[in-house]
Amino acid sequence: MAEKDQRPSVKDEDTYEALRDKGASKEKAARIANAKANSSMSPSEKGGKAPPYEEWTKDDLYDRAQELGIDGRSKMDKDALIEALRNR
């Protein structure tokens, strides 16, 4: 008896194959391909619901930098904090 294909069920074969060609794991490629095939999901849209860093207060930026362990944050101005967070 031949071994059954172990690949997860995929709803968007073209997306799955493109992701596998780029090095994505089978599981990750299947999740993304299936999400793209689902009209209620938008996996190609980047980012979440948070406003851009420019709209954050300096205190909020500092707190986030502290959460991420960014060194030198206490001496940074708002622009430097934004740059450090983006380059982390």
C-alpha atoms as a PDB file:
ATOM      1  CA  MET A   1       0.000   0.000   0.000  1.00  0.00           C
ATOM      2  CA  ALA A   2       1.436   3.391  -0.988  1.00  0.00           C
ATOM      3  CA  GLU A   3       1.973   5.922   1.774  1.00  0.00           C
ATOM      4  CA  LYS A   4      -0.649   8.665   1.768  1.00  0.00           C
ATOM      5  CA  ASP A   5       0.570  12.190   0.955  1.00  0.00           C
ATOM      6  CA  GLN A   6       1.291  13.823   4.328  1.00  0.00           C
ATOM      7  CA  ARG A   7       0.676  17.372   3.060  1.00  0.00           C
ATOM      8  CA  PRO A   8      -2.059  19.305   4.885  1.00  0.00           C
ATOM      9  CA  SER A   9      -5.310  20.044   3.075  1.00  0.00           C
ATOM     10  CA  VAL A  10      -4.796  23.138   0.901  1.00  0.00           C
ATOM     11  CA  LYS A  11      -7.499  25.372  -0.584  1.00  0.00           C
ATOM     12  CA  ASP A  12      -5.242  27.643  -2.670  1.00  0.00           C
ATOM     13  CA  GLU A  13      -2.720  25.382  -4.397  1.00  0.00           C
ATOM     14  CA  ASP A  14      -0.910  28.177  -6.296  1.00  0.00           C
ATOM     15  CA  THR A  15      -0.238  30.182  -3.124  1.00  0.00           C
ATOM     16  CA  TYR A  16       0.844  27.030  -1.300  1.00  0.00           C
ATOM     17  CA  GLU A  17       3.357  26.087  -4.004  1.00  0.00           C
ATOM     18  CA  ALA A  18       4.727  29.651  -4.221  1.00  0.00           C
ATOM     19  CA  LEU A  19       5.302  29.736  -0.463  1.00  0.00           C
ATOM     20  CA  ARG A  20       6.950  26.306  -0.466  1.00  0.00           C
ATOM     21  CA  ASP A  21       9.249  27.464  -3.297  1.00  0.00           C
ATOM     22  CA  LYS A  22      10.267  30.421  -1.084  1.00  0.00           C
ATOM     23  CA  GLY A  23      11.159  28.040   1.745  1.00  0.00           C
ATOM     24  CA  ALA A  24       8.047  28.123   3.936  1.00  0.00           C
ATOM     25  CA  SER A  25       7.291  24.966   5.892  1.00  0.00           C
ATOM     26  CA  LYS A  26       4.394  22.799   4.717  1.00  0.00           C
ATOM     27  CA  GLU A  27       2.336  23.804   7.741  1.00  0.00           C
ATOM     28  CA  LYS A  28       2.978  27.542   7.358  1.00  0.00           C
ATOM     29  CA  ALA A  29       2.339  27.453   3.597  1.00  0.00           C
ATOM     30  CA  ALA A  30      -0.943  25.589   4.131  1.00  0.00           C
ATOM     31  CA  ARG A  31      -2.101  28.030   6.849  1.00  0.00           C
ATOM     32  CA  ILE A  32      -1.414  31.072   4.678  1.00  0.00           C
ATOM     33  CA  ALA A  33      -2.876  29.516   1.518  1.00  0.00           C
ATOM     34  CA  ASN A  34      -6.044  28.503   3.347  1.00  0.00           C
ATOM     35  CA  ALA A  35      -6.377  31.937   4.945  1.00  0.00           C
ATOM     36  CA  LYS A  36      -6.056  33.604   1.538  1.00  0.00           C
ATOM     37  CA  ALA A  37      -8.788  31.320   0.197  1.00  0.00           C
ATOM     38  CA  ASN A  38     -11.104  32.367   3.040  1.00  0.00           C
ATOM     39  CA  SER A  39     -12.889  35.610   2.113  1.00  0.00           C
ATOM     40  CA  SER A  40     -13.283  36.636   5.758  1.00  0.00           C
ATOM     41  CA  MET A  41      -9.503  36.707   6.306  1.00  0.00           C
ATOM     42  CA  SER A  42      -6.888  39.085   4.875  1.00  0.00           C
ATOM     43  CA  PRO A  43      -3.449  37.533   5.395  1.00  0.00           C
ATOM     44  CA  SER A  44      -1.824  39.787   2.800  1.00  0.00           C
ATOM     45  CA  GLU A  45      -2.664  42.928   4.773  1.00  0.00           C
ATOM     46  CA  LYS A  46       0.336  43.916   6.861  1.00  0.00           C
ATOM     47  CA  GLY A  47       0.253  45.147  10.395  1.00  0.00           C
ATOM     48  CA  GLY A  48      -2.342  45.223  13.077  1.00  0.00           C
ATOM     49  CA  LYS A  49      -4.709  47.796  14.475  1.00  0.00           C
ATOM     50  CA  ALA A  50      -2.120  49.799  16.438  1.00  0.00           C
ATOM     51  CA  PRO A  51      -1.488  53.358  15.250  1.00  0.00           C
ATOM     52  CA  PRO A  52       1.917  54.192  13.760  1.00  0.00           C
ATOM     53  CA  TYR A  53       4.666  55.003  16.255  1.00  0.00           C
ATOM     54  CA  GLU A  54       4.529  58.686  15.275  1.00  0.00           C
ATOM     55  CA  GLU A  55       1.107  58.878  16.946  1.00  0.00           C
ATOM     56  CA  TRP A  56       2.358  57.310  20.202  1.00  0.00           C
ATOM     57  CA  THR A  57       3.464  59.455  23.142  1.00  0.00           C
ATOM     58  CA  LYS A  58       7.128  59.417  24.116  1.00  0.00           C
ATOM     59  CA  ASP A  59       6.167  57.662  27.362  1.00  0.00           C
ATOM     60  CA  ASP A  60       4.352  54.908  25.448  1.00  0.00           C
ATOM     61  CA  LEU A  61       7.340  54.501  23.122  1.00  0.00           C
ATOM     62  CA  TYR A  62       9.661  54.308  26.125  1.00  0.00           C
ATOM     63  CA  ASP A  63       7.464  51.668  27.762  1.00  0.00           C
ATOM     64  CA  ARG A  64       7.489  49.571  24.596  1.00  0.00           C
ATOM     65  CA  ALA A  65      11.267  49.929  24.280  1.00  0.00           C
ATOM     66  CA  GLN A  66      11.560  48.811  27.916  1.00  0.00           C
ATOM     67  CA  GLU A  67       9.377  45.745  27.206  1.00  0.00           C
ATOM     68  CA  LEU A  68      11.694  44.833  24.326  1.00  0.00           C
ATOM     69  CA  GLY A  69      14.882  45.498  26.307  1.00  0.00           C
ATOM     70  CA  ILE A  70      16.245  48.232  24.032  1.00  0.00           C
ATOM     71  CA  ASP A  71      19.451  49.606  25.550  1.00  0.00           C
ATOM     72  CA  GLY A  72      19.981  53.350  25.898  1.00  0.00           C
ATOM     73  CA  ARG A  73      16.274  54.149  25.758  1.00  0.00           C
ATOM     74  CA  SER A  74      16.423  56.589  28.691  1.00  0.00           C
ATOM     75  CA  LYS A  75      18.650  58.939  26.664  1.00  0.00           C
ATOM     76  CA  MET A  76      16.582  58.731  23.462  1.00  0.00           C
ATOM     77  CA  ASP A  77      14.191  61.364  22.172  1.00  0.00           C
ATOM     78  CA  LYS A  78      10.930  60.372  20.497  1.00  0.00           C
ATOM     79  CA  ASP A  79      12.464  60.025  17.015  1.00  0.00           C
ATOM     80  CA  ALA A  80      15.309  57.873  18.328  1.00  0.00           C
ATOM     81  CA  LEU A  81      12.850  55.632  20.183  1.00  0.00           C
ATOM     82  CA  ILE A  82      10.813  55.183  16.994  1.00  0.00           C
ATOM     83  CA  GLU A  83      13.943  54.303  15.011  1.00  0.00           C
ATOM     84  CA  ALA A  84      15.115  51.857  17.692  1.00  0.00           C
ATOM     85  CA  LEU A  85      11.718  50.147  17.809  1.00  0.00           C
ATOM     86  CA  ARG A  86      11.534  49.835  14.036  1.00  0.00           C
ATOM     87  CA  ASN A  87      15.065  48.467  13.766  1.00  0.00           C
ATOM     88  CA  ARG A  88      14.676  45.929  16.523  1.00  0.00           C
END
